[in-house]
Amino acid sequence: MDAEEQGVIHVEVAFALPNRQRIVSLTLPAGTHAREAVRQADLAHYFPDVPPETFENAALGIFGKALRDPERHILQEGERVEVYRPLRIDPKAARASRAADKRG
């Protein structure tokens, strides 16, 4: 009998800063959604310098693919939920700034 047949799944939740990262392995009830897995991972414990609401409201993805509705994405055995940091600067503004620096 595999884990899903027993009513549990094994997943990972990942978060990274430029200087450190953490992957938390979890065993959760089958039917758990991505946002709940992030809550269960308690990333604020590992990153006390990051405001807790960062994890509560973050965009999420599975293996590099952004989730449109993490509250409804039911996790499958072996998936890795990625917690994305908010952008500090708009990518278009950053490109424009770099282009201006090269010109001037």
C-alpha atoms as a PDB file:
ATOM      1  CA  MET A   1       0.000   0.000   0.000  1.00  0.00           C
ATOM      2  CA  ASP A   2       1.546   3.341  -1.025  1.00  0.00           C
ATOM      3  CA  ALA A   3       1.352   6.589   0.962  1.00  0.00           C
ATOM      4  CA  GLU A   4      -1.622   7.995  -0.943  1.00  0.00           C
ATOM      5  CA  GLU A   5      -3.601   4.826  -0.345  1.00  0.00           C
ATOM      6  CA  GLN A   6      -2.866   5.265   3.370  1.00  0.00           C
ATOM      7  CA  GLY A   7      -4.312   8.776   3.226  1.00  0.00           C
ATOM      8  CA  VAL A   8      -1.051  10.707   3.433  1.00  0.00           C
ATOM      9  CA  ILE A   9       1.338  12.345   0.970  1.00  0.00           C
ATOM     10  CA  HIS A  10       4.970  13.377   1.223  1.00  0.00           C
ATOM     11  CA  VAL A  11       5.775  16.822  -0.148  1.00  0.00           C
ATOM     12  CA  GLU A  12       8.412  19.515   0.222  1.00  0.00           C
ATOM     13  CA  VAL A  13       8.072  23.248   0.757  1.00  0.00           C
ATOM     14  CA  ALA A  14      10.972  25.418  -0.419  1.00  0.00           C
ATOM     15  CA  PHE A  15      11.914  29.039   0.223  1.00  0.00           C
ATOM     16  CA  ALA A  16      15.138  30.852  -0.576  1.00  0.00           C
ATOM     17  CA  LEU A  17      16.789  34.157   0.111  1.00  0.00           C
ATOM     18  CA  PRO A  18      19.887  35.242  -1.821  1.00  0.00           C
ATOM     19  CA  ASN A  19      22.152  33.932   0.948  1.00  0.00           C
ATOM     20  CA  ARG A  20      20.273  30.891   2.299  1.00  0.00           C
ATOM     21  CA  GLN A  21      17.503  28.440   1.524  1.00  0.00           C
ATOM     22  CA  ARG A  22      15.391  25.865   3.280  1.00  0.00           C
ATOM     23  CA  ILE A  23      13.456  22.854   2.049  1.00  0.00           C
ATOM     24  CA  VAL A  24      11.015  21.415   4.573  1.00  0.00           C
ATOM     25  CA  SER A  25       9.827  17.828   4.071  1.00  0.00           C
ATOM     26  CA  LEU A  26       6.290  17.157   5.242  1.00  0.00           C
ATOM     27  CA  THR A  27       3.902  14.260   5.568  1.00  0.00           C
ATOM     28  CA  LEU A  28       0.382  15.610   5.168  1.00  0.00           C
ATOM     29  CA  PRO A  29      -3.118  14.240   4.777  1.00  0.00           C
ATOM     30  CA  ALA A  30      -4.089  13.486   1.192  1.00  0.00           C
ATOM     31  CA  GLY A  31      -6.222  16.373  -0.085  1.00  0.00           C
ATOM     32  CA  THR A  32      -4.022  19.100   1.421  1.00  0.00           C
ATOM     33  CA  HIS A  33      -3.770  22.221  -0.728  1.00  0.00           C
ATOM     34  CA  ALA A  34      -0.562  24.144  -1.459  1.00  0.00           C
ATOM     35  CA  ARG A  35      -1.265  27.123   0.824  1.00  0.00           C
ATOM     36  CA  GLU A  36      -1.890  24.797   3.780  1.00  0.00           C
ATOM     37  CA  ALA A  37       1.410  23.017   3.144  1.00  0.00           C
ATOM     38  CA  VAL A  38       3.200  26.363   3.422  1.00  0.00           C
ATOM     39  CA  ARG A  39       1.443  27.001   6.748  1.00  0.00           C
ATOM     40  CA  GLN A  40       2.468  23.564   7.993  1.00  0.00           C
ATOM     41  CA  ALA A  41       6.097  24.132   6.957  1.00  0.00           C
ATOM     42  CA  ASP A  42       6.338  27.039   9.450  1.00  0.00           C
ATOM     43  CA  LEU A  43       8.879  28.911   7.339  1.00  0.00           C
ATOM     44  CA  ALA A  44       8.745  31.903   9.684  1.00  0.00           C
ATOM     45  CA  HIS A  45      10.538  29.707  12.233  1.00  0.00           C
ATOM     46  CA  TYR A  46      13.473  29.213   9.826  1.00  0.00           C
ATOM     47  CA  PHE A  47      13.475  32.813   8.563  1.00  0.00           C
ATOM     48  CA  PRO A  48      12.757  35.007  11.617  1.00  0.00           C
ATOM     49  CA  ASP A  49      14.033  38.084   9.759  1.00  0.00           C
ATOM     50  CA  VAL A  50      11.311  37.733   7.097  1.00  0.00           C
ATOM     51  CA  PRO A  51       7.874  39.138   7.995  1.00  0.00           C
ATOM     52  CA  PRO A  52       5.436  36.215   8.537  1.00  0.00           C
ATOM     53  CA  GLU A  53       2.915  37.726   6.116  1.00  0.00           C
ATOM     54  CA  THR A  54       5.477  37.150   3.363  1.00  0.00           C
ATOM     55  CA  PHE A  55       4.740  33.432   3.641  1.00  0.00           C
ATOM     56  CA  GLU A  56       0.992  33.856   4.157  1.00  0.00           C
ATOM     57  CA  ASN A  57       0.490  35.924   1.008  1.00  0.00           C
ATOM     58  CA  ALA A  58       3.317  34.760  -1.247  1.00  0.00           C
ATOM     59  CA  ALA A  59       2.887  33.559  -4.774  1.00  0.00           C
ATOM     60  CA  LEU A  60       3.398  29.788  -4.921  1.00  0.00           C
ATOM     61  CA  GLY A  61       4.517  27.351  -7.553  1.00  0.00           C
ATOM     62  CA  ILE A  62       5.110  23.660  -8.091  1.00  0.00           C
ATOM     63  CA  PHE A  63       8.493  22.766  -9.586  1.00  0.00           C
ATOM     64  CA  GLY A  64       8.896  26.222 -11.156  1.00  0.00           C
ATOM     65  CA  LYS A  65       5.358  26.568 -12.494  1.00  0.00           C
ATOM     66  CA  ALA A  66       3.314  29.309 -10.821  1.00  0.00           C
ATOM     67  CA  LEU A  67      -0.007  28.326  -9.291  1.00  0.00           C
ATOM     68  CA  ARG A  68      -2.995  30.492 -10.184  1.00  0.00           C
ATOM     69  CA  ASP A  69      -5.003  29.438  -7.146  1.00  0.00           C
ATOM     70  CA  PRO A  70      -2.804  27.881  -4.426  1.00  0.00           C
ATOM     71  CA  GLU A  71      -5.781  27.600  -2.068  1.00  0.00           C
ATOM     72  CA  ARG A  72      -7.364  25.106  -4.474  1.00  0.00           C
ATOM     73  CA  HIS A  73      -4.342  23.213  -5.787  1.00  0.00           C
ATOM     74  CA  ILE A  74      -4.510  19.789  -4.159  1.00  0.00           C
ATOM     75  CA  LEU A  75      -1.000  18.462  -3.704  1.00  0.00           C
ATOM     76  CA  GLN A  76       0.142  15.170  -5.159  1.00  0.00           C
ATOM     77  CA  GLU A  77       2.715  12.776  -3.742  1.00  0.00           C
ATOM     78  CA  GLY A  78       6.266  14.092  -4.182  1.00  0.00           C
ATOM     79  CA  GLU A  79       5.447  17.643  -5.241  1.00  0.00           C
ATOM     80  CA  ARG A  80       7.612  20.551  -4.119  1.00  0.00           C
ATOM     81  CA  VAL A  81       5.798  23.780  -3.264  1.00  0.00           C
ATOM     82  CA  GLU A  82       7.974  26.808  -3.947  1.00  0.00           C
ATOM     83  CA  VAL A  83       7.327  30.023  -2.052  1.00  0.00           C
ATOM     84  CA  TYR A  84       8.260  33.018  -4.197  1.00  0.00           C
ATOM     85  CA  ARG A  85       9.664  36.199  -2.698  1.00  0.00           C
ATOM     86  CA  PRO A  86       7.954  39.446  -3.654  1.00  0.00           C
ATOM     87  CA  LEU A  87       9.781  41.442  -6.299  1.00  0.00           C
ATOM     88  CA  ARG A  88      11.660  44.461  -4.964  1.00  0.00           C
ATOM     89  CA  ILE A  89      11.567  46.223  -8.303  1.00  0.00           C
ATOM     90  CA  ASP A  90       9.416  45.754 -11.368  1.00  0.00           C
ATOM     91  CA  PRO A  91      11.393  43.739 -13.961  1.00  0.00           C
ATOM     92  CA  LYS A  92      10.519  46.240 -16.706  1.00  0.00           C
ATOM     93  CA  ALA A  93      11.821  49.119 -14.588  1.00  0.00           C
ATOM     94  CA  ALA A  94      15.023  47.189 -13.840  1.00  0.00           C
ATOM     95  CA  ARG A  95      15.649  46.541 -17.562  1.00  0.00           C
ATOM     96  CA  ALA A  96      14.999  50.182 -18.397  1.00  0.00           C
ATOM     97  CA  SER A  97      17.414  51.275 -15.683  1.00  0.00           C
ATOM     98  CA  ARG A  98      20.153  48.936 -16.945  1.00  0.00           C
ATOM     99  CA  ALA A  99      19.621  50.154 -20.519  1.00  0.00           C
ATOM    100  CA  ALA A 100      19.860  53.776 -19.378  1.00  0.00           C
ATOM    101  CA  ASP A 101      23.083  53.014 -17.494  1.00  0.00           C
ATOM    102  CA  LYS A 102      24.633  51.500 -20.639  1.00  0.00           C
ATOM    103  CA  ARG A 103      23.655  54.516 -22.753  1.00  0.00           C
ATOM    104  CA  GLY A 104      24.827  57.144 -20.336  1.00  0.00           C
END
